[in-house]
Amino acid sequence: MLQTARPKKKKAPTNAPVHEKYVEAFRWMLLARTFEEKLASMYRGGRITGGVYVGKGQEAISVACGIFLQKGDVFAPLIRDQAGRSAFGEPLVDVARTYLGTRTGPMRGRDGNIHRGKPRDGQLAMISHLGAMISVLVGSLMAKRGQGEKNFVGLTTIGEGGMQTGASHEGLNIAAVEHVPLVVVATNNHYAYSTPNDREFACASLVDRARGYGFEGYELDGTDLAQCLDVIGTAVKRARAGRPPQLVVASVLRLAGHGEHDDFSYVPKEIYGESFAYDCVQRAQEFIKERELVDSATLQAWREDAVRQVDEAFAMAQKEPTPKGEEEDWCAISTRGLLDHPEEQE
C-alpha cells in the first residue's frame, strides 16, 4: 500500500489541526539543537575526543521517531537522532558523559561517543556499518515475539545512503517475511556525505521500494513537524496493530556537514532555496507564533531552559572521573555474571 504526504509549501495550512504532541516535540527539538550546538563548539575548542555528528535540520523527523514509542518498544537510533533519543527517555547527562568519556556514563568511557545505548531499556547501541541496525532490530523483535511479549514495536532510522547497502536490503526483506512490527524511517538528506541522490539510486523515490519489500510506504516533508508527527505516529500505530512493516521516507537537507570535520562545500548553494532545505526548528517556531500556541516570552523561557539543561548536564559530567585503564574490569555484559559465578557456566 503506497500513500504519500508531501505538500510543497513551507508553511502548513492555517486550518490544519495542531497535533497534541506538537509543543512537546518542539521542546525536544529545541533541546537537541541547543545541546548539539554546544557539542560543536566544544569540538572546535578541542574538548571532545572523537567525532561530532549533529542532526541539524533533521530534528523534526528524529523527535517523531522517539516520542510515540512506549515502554517495551525497541528504538535503534543513528548518529543524528538526539531529539528522538531524548524524547524516548535518554538522560541528557548520559550523553554529556559519553562525549566527555567519563566512567559514570552508559559506556563507562569506552567505545566511540556515538555508540551509546541501553539495550535493557529498549535503546540499542548504534552500529556504524550502516544498514546493520535494521537486521539487528528485526532479530530483537523476533526474540520478543518468541518470548511471548505483545503490543510492542521497533523503530530504526537510516539515511538514503545507508538504504543502498546490502545489509539494508537483507534486513528489510526478512522484516517483511517474518511480519515483525517494524517502522523504518529513511531520511533522504539528498547527499550521502558528498554523494548526491542521482549517484545513489535510480528509482523516482525510495518509497517506491516499499511495495517490492512487502512494506506499507509513506513520504513526508521532513521540515514540517506536523507532518512528521502525523505520518510517523500513524506508522507506529499501524505496526503496533499488526499491519505489515512500515517504511517512511522523509525529504530534508542536512544543514551541517557529515560531521563537524566536514564543511559540506560540495553542496551547491542553489539547493538551499529548495523547500526541503528549510530549517525545521525555525519552521516549527514560526508555526507556534502563527497559531499563537504560546507567547514570545514563553518561547524565550523555553530557549533559556534548554541552555540551562545543557549547561547542567555538561557541568555534572565534567566533575566526574575518566577511566583508568589498569583499573577497569571490562567484559561482555552477557558474561559478567558468569565470571562472578563460574559454576553457572556448566
Protein backbone atom coordinates (compact mmCIF):
# COMPACT_ATOMS: atom_id res chain seq x y z
CA MET A 1 0.00 0.00 0.00
CA LEU A 2 1.57 3.31 -1.08
CA GLN A 3 0.43 6.54 0.47
CA THR A 4 2.04 9.96 0.24
CA ALA A 5 2.01 13.14 2.28
CA ARG A 6 4.33 15.72 0.80
CA PRO A 7 2.98 19.26 0.33
CA LYS A 8 5.38 21.66 -1.33
CA LYS A 9 4.52 24.70 0.78
CA LYS A 10 6.84 25.72 3.57
CA LYS A 11 4.00 26.63 5.90
CA ALA A 12 1.18 24.34 6.98
CA PRO A 13 -2.36 25.48 6.14
CA THR A 14 -3.74 27.74 8.85
CA ASN A 15 -6.79 25.50 9.29
CA ALA A 16 -4.77 22.31 9.90
CA PRO A 17 -5.31 20.84 13.39
CA VAL A 18 -2.43 21.09 15.83
CA HIS A 19 -1.07 17.70 16.83
CA GLU A 20 -1.45 17.07 20.54
CA LYS A 21 2.29 16.43 20.85
CA TYR A 22 3.40 19.42 18.78
CA VAL A 23 4.57 21.66 21.59
CA GLU A 24 6.23 18.82 23.50
CA ALA A 25 8.01 17.72 20.34
CA PHE A 26 9.21 21.25 19.61
CA ARG A 27 10.79 21.49 23.05
CA TRP A 28 12.70 18.24 22.48
CA MET A 29 13.86 19.63 19.13
CA LEU A 30 14.99 22.84 20.78
CA LEU A 31 16.87 20.91 23.46
CA ALA A 32 18.62 18.74 20.85
CA ARG A 33 19.63 21.75 18.75
CA THR A 34 20.96 23.57 21.82
CA PHE A 35 22.88 20.52 23.01
CA GLU A 36 24.47 19.86 19.64
CA GLU A 37 25.44 23.50 19.18
CA LYS A 38 27.29 23.20 22.49
CA LEU A 39 28.90 19.95 21.32
CA ALA A 40 30.09 21.53 18.09
CA SER A 41 31.57 24.46 19.99
CA MET A 42 33.38 22.11 22.37
CA TYR A 43 34.68 20.04 19.44
CA ARG A 44 36.11 23.13 17.77
CA GLY A 45 37.73 24.02 21.09
CA GLY A 46 39.43 20.64 21.29
CA ARG A 47 37.39 19.47 24.28
CA ILE A 48 35.73 16.47 22.60
CA THR A 49 37.67 13.32 21.74
CA GLY A 50 36.40 11.60 18.60
CA GLY A 51 33.92 12.89 16.06
CA VAL A 52 30.82 15.03 16.45
CA TYR A 53 27.89 14.40 14.11
CA VAL A 54 24.87 16.64 14.54
CA GLY A 55 21.30 16.34 13.32
CA LYS A 56 20.79 19.98 12.39
CA GLY A 57 17.78 20.12 10.09
CA GLN A 58 16.59 16.62 10.97
CA GLU A 59 15.22 17.23 14.46
CA ALA A 60 11.55 17.10 13.41
CA ILE A 61 11.99 13.65 11.88
CA SER A 62 14.04 12.41 14.82
CA VAL A 63 11.71 13.59 17.57
CA ALA A 64 8.73 11.96 15.86
CA CYS A 65 10.67 8.69 15.88
CA GLY A 66 11.12 8.70 19.65
CA ILE A 67 8.05 10.44 21.01
CA PHE A 68 5.49 7.73 20.11
CA LEU A 69 7.42 4.76 21.47
CA GLN A 70 6.36 3.15 24.73
CA LYS A 71 7.93 1.04 27.44
CA GLY A 72 8.64 -2.35 25.91
CA ASP A 73 9.31 -0.93 22.44
CA VAL A 74 12.77 -1.03 20.89
CA PHE A 75 14.45 2.06 19.43
CA ALA A 76 17.55 1.79 17.24
CA PRO A 77 18.67 5.39 16.57
CA LEU A 78 21.57 6.58 14.45
CA ILE A 79 24.02 9.45 14.81
CA ARG A 80 21.61 12.31 14.06
CA ASP A 81 18.82 11.23 16.38
CA GLN A 82 19.47 13.20 19.55
CA ALA A 83 15.95 14.66 19.52
CA GLY A 84 14.43 11.19 19.26
CA ARG A 85 16.76 9.75 21.89
CA SER A 86 15.76 12.48 24.35
CA ALA A 87 12.06 12.04 23.63
CA PHE A 88 12.49 8.29 24.21
CA GLY A 89 13.93 8.98 27.64
CA GLU A 90 17.72 9.17 27.32
CA PRO A 91 19.05 11.43 30.14
CA LEU A 92 20.97 14.38 28.73
CA VAL A 93 23.70 13.96 31.33
CA ASP A 94 24.40 10.46 29.97
CA VAL A 95 25.01 11.98 26.54
CA ALA A 96 27.41 14.53 28.02
CA ARG A 97 29.17 11.78 29.97
CA THR A 98 29.63 9.74 26.81
CA TYR A 99 31.11 12.60 24.80
CA LEU A 100 33.43 13.53 27.67
CA GLY A 101 34.41 9.90 28.21
CA THR A 102 33.58 9.64 31.91
CA ARG A 103 33.37 6.24 33.56
CA THR A 104 29.94 7.10 35.01
CA GLY A 105 28.31 7.19 31.57
CA PRO A 106 26.45 4.30 29.93
CA MET A 107 29.61 3.29 28.03
CA ARG A 108 31.90 3.84 31.06
CA GLY A 109 34.28 5.87 28.91
CA ARG A 110 34.67 3.05 26.42
CA ASP A 111 33.89 2.93 22.69
CA GLY A 112 33.04 5.85 20.45
CA ASN A 113 30.78 8.62 21.69
CA ILE A 114 28.04 7.80 19.17
CA HIS A 115 27.76 4.10 20.02
CA ARG A 116 25.94 4.54 23.29
CA GLY A 117 22.82 2.66 24.17
CA LYS A 118 20.92 0.84 26.91
CA PRO A 119 19.52 -2.36 25.40
CA ARG A 120 17.75 -3.35 28.63
CA ASP A 121 15.83 -0.08 28.42
CA GLY A 122 14.93 -0.68 24.79
CA GLN A 123 17.58 1.54 23.17
CA LEU A 124 20.06 -0.34 21.02
CA ALA A 125 23.60 0.95 20.67
CA MET A 126 24.28 2.31 17.22
CA ILE A 127 26.20 0.21 14.69
CA SER A 128 28.39 2.29 12.39
CA HIS A 129 28.07 -0.17 9.50
CA LEU A 130 25.00 1.45 8.03
CA GLY A 131 22.06 -0.81 7.38
CA ALA A 132 23.04 -3.29 10.08
CA MET A 133 20.66 -1.75 12.61
CA ILE A 134 17.69 -2.99 10.59
CA SER A 135 18.55 -6.69 10.82
CA VAL A 136 19.62 -6.39 14.47
CA LEU A 137 16.31 -4.73 15.31
CA VAL A 138 14.38 -7.36 13.36
CA GLY A 139 16.14 -10.05 15.38
CA SER A 140 15.27 -8.25 18.61
CA LEU A 141 11.61 -8.09 17.63
CA MET A 142 11.55 -11.77 16.69
CA ALA A 143 13.10 -12.62 20.06
CA LYS A 144 10.47 -10.59 21.93
CA ARG A 145 7.71 -12.33 19.99
CA GLY A 146 9.29 -15.72 20.69
CA GLN A 147 9.25 -14.90 24.41
CA GLY A 148 5.53 -14.26 24.27
CA GLU A 149 5.63 -10.47 24.54
CA LYS A 150 2.85 -8.47 22.90
CA ASN A 151 1.94 -4.90 21.93
CA PHE A 152 5.47 -3.79 21.07
CA VAL A 153 7.07 -2.16 18.04
CA GLY A 154 10.60 -1.47 16.90
CA LEU A 155 11.74 1.66 15.08
CA THR A 156 15.04 2.45 13.42
CA THR A 157 16.32 5.25 11.24
CA ILE A 158 18.53 5.21 8.17
CA GLY A 159 19.80 7.75 5.64
CA GLU A 160 19.21 7.39 1.93
CA GLY A 161 22.86 6.42 1.53
CA GLY A 162 22.55 3.63 4.07
CA MET A 163 19.47 2.41 2.20
CA GLN A 164 21.77 1.31 -0.63
CA THR A 165 23.74 -1.18 1.46
CA GLY A 166 23.29 -4.93 1.26
CA ALA A 167 22.54 -5.09 4.98
CA SER A 168 19.56 -2.75 4.50
CA HIS A 169 18.09 -4.90 1.73
CA GLU A 170 18.51 -8.10 3.75
CA GLY A 171 17.03 -6.55 6.88
CA LEU A 172 14.01 -5.09 5.08
CA ASN A 173 13.35 -8.39 3.34
CA ILE A 174 13.42 -10.54 6.47
CA ALA A 175 11.28 -7.98 8.33
CA ALA A 176 8.52 -8.40 5.76
CA VAL A 177 8.90 -12.17 5.52
CA GLU A 178 8.62 -12.53 9.30
CA HIS A 179 5.96 -9.78 9.52
CA VAL A 180 7.57 -8.10 12.51
CA PRO A 181 6.12 -4.85 13.96
CA LEU A 182 8.83 -2.65 12.45
CA VAL A 183 8.98 1.00 11.40
CA VAL A 184 11.92 2.16 9.29
CA VAL A 185 12.27 5.92 8.88
CA ALA A 186 14.58 6.76 5.99
CA THR A 187 15.82 10.33 5.83
CA ASN A 188 16.68 11.48 2.33
CA ASN A 189 19.33 14.14 3.00
CA HIS A 190 19.89 14.48 -0.76
CA TYR A 191 23.59 13.89 -0.06
CA ALA A 192 25.13 10.75 1.43
CA TYR A 193 28.22 12.52 2.70
CA SER A 194 29.22 14.10 -0.64
CA THR A 195 27.28 11.74 -2.96
CA PRO A 196 24.10 13.26 -4.49
CA ASN A 197 20.87 11.33 -5.00
CA ASP A 198 21.40 10.71 -8.70
CA ARG A 199 24.53 8.70 -7.90
CA GLU A 200 22.81 6.72 -5.14
CA PHE A 201 19.62 5.29 -6.64
CA ALA A 202 17.70 5.32 -9.93
CA CYS A 203 14.09 4.92 -8.72
CA ALA A 204 11.90 8.02 -8.63
CA SER A 205 11.65 7.82 -4.85
CA LEU A 206 12.90 5.44 -2.19
CA VAL A 207 9.32 4.93 -1.04
CA ASP A 208 8.72 3.07 -4.31
CA ARG A 209 10.69 0.19 -2.79
CA ALA A 210 8.12 -0.34 -0.04
CA ARG A 211 5.76 -2.34 -2.24
CA GLY A 212 8.55 -4.59 -3.51
CA TYR A 213 9.65 -5.48 0.01
CA GLY A 214 6.12 -6.03 1.28
CA PHE A 215 6.05 -2.86 3.37
CA GLU A 216 3.49 -0.08 3.56
CA GLY A 217 5.15 3.13 2.38
CA TYR A 218 4.73 6.84 3.04
CA GLU A 219 6.52 10.04 2.06
CA LEU A 220 6.65 13.27 4.02
CA ASP A 221 8.24 16.70 4.19
CA GLY A 222 10.90 16.36 6.89
CA THR A 223 10.96 20.10 7.58
CA ASP A 224 7.32 20.04 8.73
CA LEU A 225 6.96 18.88 12.33
CA ALA A 226 3.20 18.46 11.95
CA GLN A 227 3.65 16.03 9.06
CA CYS A 228 6.42 14.16 10.86
CA LEU A 229 4.20 13.63 13.89
CA ASP A 230 1.16 12.63 11.84
CA VAL A 231 2.85 10.25 9.41
CA ILE A 232 5.42 8.64 11.71
CA GLY A 233 2.91 8.46 14.56
CA THR A 234 0.43 6.71 12.26
CA ALA A 235 3.12 4.30 11.05
CA VAL A 236 3.90 3.33 14.66
CA LYS A 237 0.20 2.74 15.34
CA ARG A 238 -0.18 0.61 12.23
CA ALA A 239 2.85 -1.52 13.08
CA ARG A 240 1.56 -2.00 16.63
CA ALA A 241 -1.83 -3.03 15.27
CA GLY A 242 -0.33 -5.86 13.24
CA ARG A 243 -0.09 -4.23 9.82
CA PRO A 244 2.90 -5.04 7.58
CA PRO A 245 6.23 -3.35 8.35
CA GLN A 246 6.23 0.39 7.67
CA LEU A 247 8.67 2.45 5.56
CA VAL A 248 8.57 6.22 5.93
CA VAL A 249 10.76 8.34 3.64
CA ALA A 250 11.34 11.93 4.73
CA SER A 251 12.79 14.57 2.41
CA VAL A 252 15.12 17.10 4.04
CA LEU A 253 18.55 18.68 3.69
CA ARG A 254 21.03 18.18 6.50
CA LEU A 255 22.04 21.72 7.47
CA ALA A 256 25.55 20.80 8.54
CA GLY A 257 28.36 18.68 7.19
CA HIS A 258 28.58 14.94 7.54
CA GLY A 259 30.46 15.69 10.76
CA GLU A 260 31.99 18.77 12.32
CA HIS A 261 35.17 17.97 10.40
CA ASP A 262 33.31 18.47 7.11
CA ASP A 263 32.48 21.92 5.69
CA PHE A 264 29.91 20.47 3.19
CA SER A 265 31.34 22.75 0.47
CA TYR A 266 30.27 20.12 -2.08
CA VAL A 267 26.60 21.09 -1.62
CA PRO A 268 25.67 23.67 -4.30
CA LYS A 269 24.38 26.95 -2.92
CA GLU A 270 21.22 26.88 -5.03
CA ILE A 271 19.93 23.80 -3.22
CA TYR A 272 19.31 25.91 -0.12
CA GLY A 273 16.45 27.55 -1.99
CA GLU A 274 14.55 24.26 -2.17
CA SER A 275 11.61 23.65 0.17
CA PHE A 276 13.33 20.59 1.69
CA ALA A 277 16.23 22.81 2.81
CA TYR A 278 14.11 24.82 5.27
CA ASP A 279 15.20 24.70 8.92
CA CYS A 280 12.65 22.54 10.75
CA VAL A 281 13.28 24.23 14.12
CA GLN A 282 12.70 27.67 12.62
CA ARG A 283 9.63 26.44 10.76
CA ALA A 284 8.12 24.93 13.91
CA GLN A 285 8.77 28.15 15.82
CA GLU A 286 7.05 30.16 13.08
CA PHE A 287 4.09 27.77 13.24
CA ILE A 288 3.84 28.23 17.01
CA LYS A 289 3.87 32.01 16.64
CA GLU A 290 1.37 31.95 13.75
CA ARG A 291 -1.05 29.80 15.73
CA GLU A 292 -0.36 31.73 18.94
CA LEU A 293 0.20 28.46 20.78
CA VAL A 294 2.40 30.33 23.25
CA ASP A 295 3.64 33.90 23.52
CA SER A 296 7.14 35.23 22.80
CA ALA A 297 8.04 35.31 26.49
CA THR A 298 7.29 31.59 26.80
CA LEU A 299 9.38 30.78 23.71
CA GLN A 300 12.28 32.71 25.21
CA ALA A 301 11.84 30.89 28.50
CA TRP A 302 12.00 27.56 26.66
CA ARG A 303 15.26 28.59 24.98
CA GLU A 304 16.74 29.60 28.31
CA ASP A 305 15.59 26.36 29.90
CA ALA A 306 17.25 24.37 27.11
CA VAL A 307 20.52 26.22 27.68
CA ARG A 308 20.23 25.59 31.43
CA GLN A 309 19.66 21.85 30.96
CA VAL A 310 22.62 21.57 28.59
CA ASP A 311 24.93 23.55 30.86
CA GLU A 312 23.91 21.50 33.89
CA ALA A 313 24.48 18.22 32.04
CA PHE A 314 28.00 19.18 30.98
CA ALA A 315 28.83 20.73 34.35
CA MET A 316 27.91 17.46 36.09
CA ALA A 317 29.79 15.31 33.59
CA GLN A 318 32.92 17.46 33.77
CA LYS A 319 33.20 16.77 37.51
CA GLU A 320 33.14 13.00 37.07
CA PRO A 321 36.21 10.76 36.69
CA THR A 322 37.54 9.33 33.46
CA PRO A 323 38.53 5.65 33.24
CA LYS A 324 41.90 4.32 34.35
CA GLY A 325 42.80 1.50 32.03
CA GLU A 326 44.71 -0.51 34.58
CA GLU A 327 41.75 -0.47 36.97
CA GLU A 328 38.91 -1.30 34.58
CA ASP A 329 37.32 -4.76 34.51
CA TRP A 330 35.61 -4.65 31.14
CA CYS A 331 33.93 -7.73 29.79
CA ALA A 332 30.82 -8.50 27.78
CA ILE A 333 27.56 -7.82 29.64
CA SER A 334 26.36 -11.34 28.84
CA THR A 335 29.37 -12.94 30.55
CA ARG A 336 29.82 -10.66 33.56
CA GLY A 337 27.63 -12.82 35.80
CA LEU A 338 29.43 -15.98 34.69
CA LEU A 339 32.76 -14.52 35.74
CA ASP A 340 31.33 -13.77 39.16
CA HIS A 341 29.75 -17.25 39.41
CA PRO A 342 31.80 -19.67 37.24
CA GLU A 343 29.77 -22.62 38.46
CA GLU A 344 26.84 -21.32 36.38
CA GLN A 345 28.78 -22.00 33.17
CA GLU A 346 28.04 -25.72 33.40
